[in-house]
Amino acid sequence: VKEDSSRDAVDSICHEAFHALQRCLVEAYEEADEQTRNLLLFRRIGQYREEFNAYRDGLSSENYGVYYEQACEADSRAYAEERAEQYYEAAEKAS
């Protein structure tokens, strides 16, 4: 992150912040009763939980495709892209 542009740094922070939210939601899901687990909020949490339990990092080239396609990673990338852009638009309007 030290060598990235400020835009890339904001994107990375948003991406990792979304991972933190995902982990909090997995914990809440695990403590919830069956009726609560059916809430729309938790629709992807079962998948996140499975992926976190068998997480595939993208450190090796042969694992990169598997890593990239995990829902927890795809959703974090999508959130970061959208949110970072919103931050930059707000900063431009403020200046």
C-alpha atoms as a PDB file:
ATOM      1  CA  VAL A   1       0.000   0.000   0.000  1.00  0.00           C
ATOM      2  CA  LYS A   2       2.928   2.375   0.658  1.00  0.00           C
ATOM      3  CA  GLU A   3       3.874   2.293  -3.015  1.00  0.00           C
ATOM      4  CA  ASP A   4       0.336   2.436  -4.397  1.00  0.00           C
ATOM      5  CA  SER A   5      -1.410   5.557  -5.589  1.00  0.00           C
ATOM      6  CA  SER A   6      -3.812   7.172  -3.146  1.00  0.00           C
ATOM      7  CA  ARG A   7      -6.691   5.854  -5.251  1.00  0.00           C
ATOM      8  CA  ASP A   8      -5.371   2.279  -5.009  1.00  0.00           C
ATOM      9  CA  ALA A   9      -4.800   2.696  -1.268  1.00  0.00           C
ATOM     10  CA  VAL A  10      -8.410   3.833  -0.726  1.00  0.00           C
ATOM     11  CA  ASP A  11      -9.611   0.910  -2.837  1.00  0.00           C
ATOM     12  CA  SER A  12      -7.527  -1.542  -0.761  1.00  0.00           C
ATOM     13  CA  ILE A  13      -8.806  -0.089   2.513  1.00  0.00           C
ATOM     14  CA  CYS A  14     -12.412  -0.361   1.315  1.00  0.00           C
ATOM     15  CA  HIS A  15     -11.784  -3.933   0.149  1.00  0.00           C
ATOM     16  CA  GLU A  16     -10.337  -5.000   3.502  1.00  0.00           C
ATOM     17  CA  ALA A  17     -13.035  -3.126   5.444  1.00  0.00           C
ATOM     18  CA  PHE A  18     -15.650  -5.124   3.548  1.00  0.00           C
ATOM     19  CA  HIS A  19     -13.852  -8.340   4.516  1.00  0.00           C
ATOM     20  CA  ALA A  20     -14.118  -7.220   8.159  1.00  0.00           C
ATOM     21  CA  LEU A  21     -17.868  -6.709   7.685  1.00  0.00           C
ATOM     22  CA  GLN A  22     -18.161 -10.140   6.073  1.00  0.00           C
ATOM     23  CA  ARG A  23     -16.469 -11.757   9.071  1.00  0.00           C
ATOM     24  CA  CYS A  24     -18.772  -9.903  11.487  1.00  0.00           C
ATOM     25  CA  LEU A  25     -21.795 -11.089   9.506  1.00  0.00           C
ATOM     26  CA  VAL A  26     -20.516 -14.684   9.574  1.00  0.00           C
ATOM     27  CA  GLU A  27     -20.195 -14.458  13.362  1.00  0.00           C
ATOM     28  CA  ALA A  28     -23.715 -13.016  13.663  1.00  0.00           C
ATOM     29  CA  TYR A  29     -25.038 -15.739  11.363  1.00  0.00           C
ATOM     30  CA  GLU A  30     -23.445 -18.469  13.461  1.00  0.00           C
ATOM     31  CA  GLU A  31     -25.122 -17.107  16.598  1.00  0.00           C
ATOM     32  CA  ALA A  32     -28.526 -16.515  14.973  1.00  0.00           C
ATOM     33  CA  ASP A  33     -31.563 -18.747  15.203  1.00  0.00           C
ATOM     34  CA  GLU A  34     -32.945 -20.429  12.074  1.00  0.00           C
ATOM     35  CA  GLN A  35     -35.578 -17.767  11.429  1.00  0.00           C
ATOM     36  CA  THR A  36     -33.004 -14.965  11.635  1.00  0.00           C
ATOM     37  CA  ARG A  37     -30.647 -16.843   9.310  1.00  0.00           C
ATOM     38  CA  ASN A  38     -33.331 -16.582   6.620  1.00  0.00           C
ATOM     39  CA  LEU A  39     -33.087 -12.789   6.527  1.00  0.00           C
ATOM     40  CA  LEU A  40     -32.002 -11.291   3.212  1.00  0.00           C
ATOM     41  CA  LEU A  41     -29.000  -9.791   5.025  1.00  0.00           C
ATOM     42  CA  PHE A  42     -27.578 -13.288   5.415  1.00  0.00           C
ATOM     43  CA  ARG A  43     -28.196 -14.588   1.873  1.00  0.00           C
ATOM     44  CA  ARG A  44     -24.468 -14.866   1.008  1.00  0.00           C
ATOM     45  CA  ILE A  45     -23.152 -15.532   4.495  1.00  0.00           C
ATOM     46  CA  GLY A  46     -23.277 -19.320   4.259  1.00  0.00           C
ATOM     47  CA  GLN A  47     -21.074 -19.095   1.183  1.00  0.00           C
ATOM     48  CA  TYR A  48     -18.689 -16.643   2.873  1.00  0.00           C
ATOM     49  CA  ARG A  49     -18.457 -18.970   5.850  1.00  0.00           C
ATOM     50  CA  GLU A  50     -17.539 -21.924   3.640  1.00  0.00           C
ATOM     51  CA  GLU A  51     -14.968 -19.854   1.781  1.00  0.00           C
ATOM     52  CA  PHE A  52     -13.385 -18.509   4.965  1.00  0.00           C
ATOM     53  CA  ASN A  53     -13.138 -22.039   6.353  1.00  0.00           C
ATOM     54  CA  ALA A  54     -11.362 -23.244   3.190  1.00  0.00           C
ATOM     55  CA  TYR A  55      -9.868 -19.933   2.053  1.00  0.00           C
ATOM     56  CA  ARG A  56      -7.801 -19.970  -1.126  1.00  0.00           C
ATOM     57  CA  ASP A  57      -5.306 -17.136  -1.326  1.00  0.00           C
ATOM     58  CA  GLY A  58      -4.045 -15.822  -4.630  1.00  0.00           C
ATOM     59  CA  LEU A  59      -0.353 -16.070  -3.816  1.00  0.00           C
ATOM     60  CA  SER A  60       0.374 -18.775  -6.366  1.00  0.00           C
ATOM     61  CA  SER A  61      -0.536 -18.441 -10.014  1.00  0.00           C
ATOM     62  CA  GLU A  62      -2.325 -21.810 -10.043  1.00  0.00           C
ATOM     63  CA  ASN A  63      -4.638 -20.697  -7.203  1.00  0.00           C
ATOM     64  CA  TYR A  64      -5.267 -17.188  -8.506  1.00  0.00           C
ATOM     65  CA  GLY A  65      -8.376 -18.057 -10.520  1.00  0.00           C
ATOM     66  CA  VAL A  66      -9.943 -19.906  -7.588  1.00  0.00           C
ATOM     67  CA  TYR A  67      -9.044 -17.030  -5.261  1.00  0.00           C
ATOM     68  CA  TYR A  68     -10.414 -14.420  -7.653  1.00  0.00           C
ATOM     69  CA  GLU A  69     -13.749 -16.199  -8.133  1.00  0.00           C
ATOM     70  CA  GLN A  70     -14.566 -16.656  -4.435  1.00  0.00           C
ATOM     71  CA  ALA A  71     -17.747 -14.762  -3.557  1.00  0.00           C
ATOM     72  CA  CYS A  72     -16.061 -13.118  -0.568  1.00  0.00           C
ATOM     73  CA  GLU A  73     -13.400 -11.677  -2.892  1.00  0.00           C
ATOM     74  CA  ALA A  74     -15.747 -10.734  -5.737  1.00  0.00           C
ATOM     75  CA  ASP A  75     -18.102  -8.929  -3.355  1.00  0.00           C
ATOM     76  CA  SER A  76     -15.196  -7.130  -1.635  1.00  0.00           C
ATOM     77  CA  ARG A  77     -13.828  -5.978  -4.987  1.00  0.00           C
ATOM     78  CA  ALA A  78     -17.244  -4.742  -6.111  1.00  0.00           C
ATOM     79  CA  TYR A  79     -17.838  -2.861  -2.858  1.00  0.00           C
ATOM     80  CA  ALA A  80     -14.360  -1.314  -2.904  1.00  0.00           C
ATOM     81  CA  GLU A  81     -14.660  -0.177  -6.507  1.00  0.00           C
ATOM     82  CA  GLU A  82     -18.022   1.460  -5.928  1.00  0.00           C
ATOM     83  CA  ARG A  83     -17.245   2.965  -2.533  1.00  0.00           C
ATOM     84  CA  ALA A  84     -13.791   4.295  -3.448  1.00  0.00           C
ATOM     85  CA  GLU A  85     -15.352   6.052  -6.427  1.00  0.00           C
ATOM     86  CA  GLN A  86     -17.965   7.621  -4.135  1.00  0.00           C
ATOM     87  CA  TYR A  87     -15.217   8.873  -1.819  1.00  0.00           C
ATOM     88  CA  TYR A  88     -13.345  10.462  -4.714  1.00  0.00           C
ATOM     89  CA  GLU A  89     -16.498  12.078  -6.109  1.00  0.00           C
ATOM     90  CA  ALA A  90     -17.279  13.541  -2.679  1.00  0.00           C
ATOM     91  CA  ALA A  91     -13.709  14.827  -2.354  1.00  0.00           C
ATOM     92  CA  GLU A  92     -13.892  16.493  -5.776  1.00  0.00           C
ATOM     93  CA  LYS A  93     -17.169  18.212  -4.870  1.00  0.00           C
ATOM     94  CA  ALA A  94     -15.726  19.412  -1.570  1.00  0.00           C
ATOM     95  CA  SER A  95     -12.656  20.986  -3.171  1.00  0.00           C
END
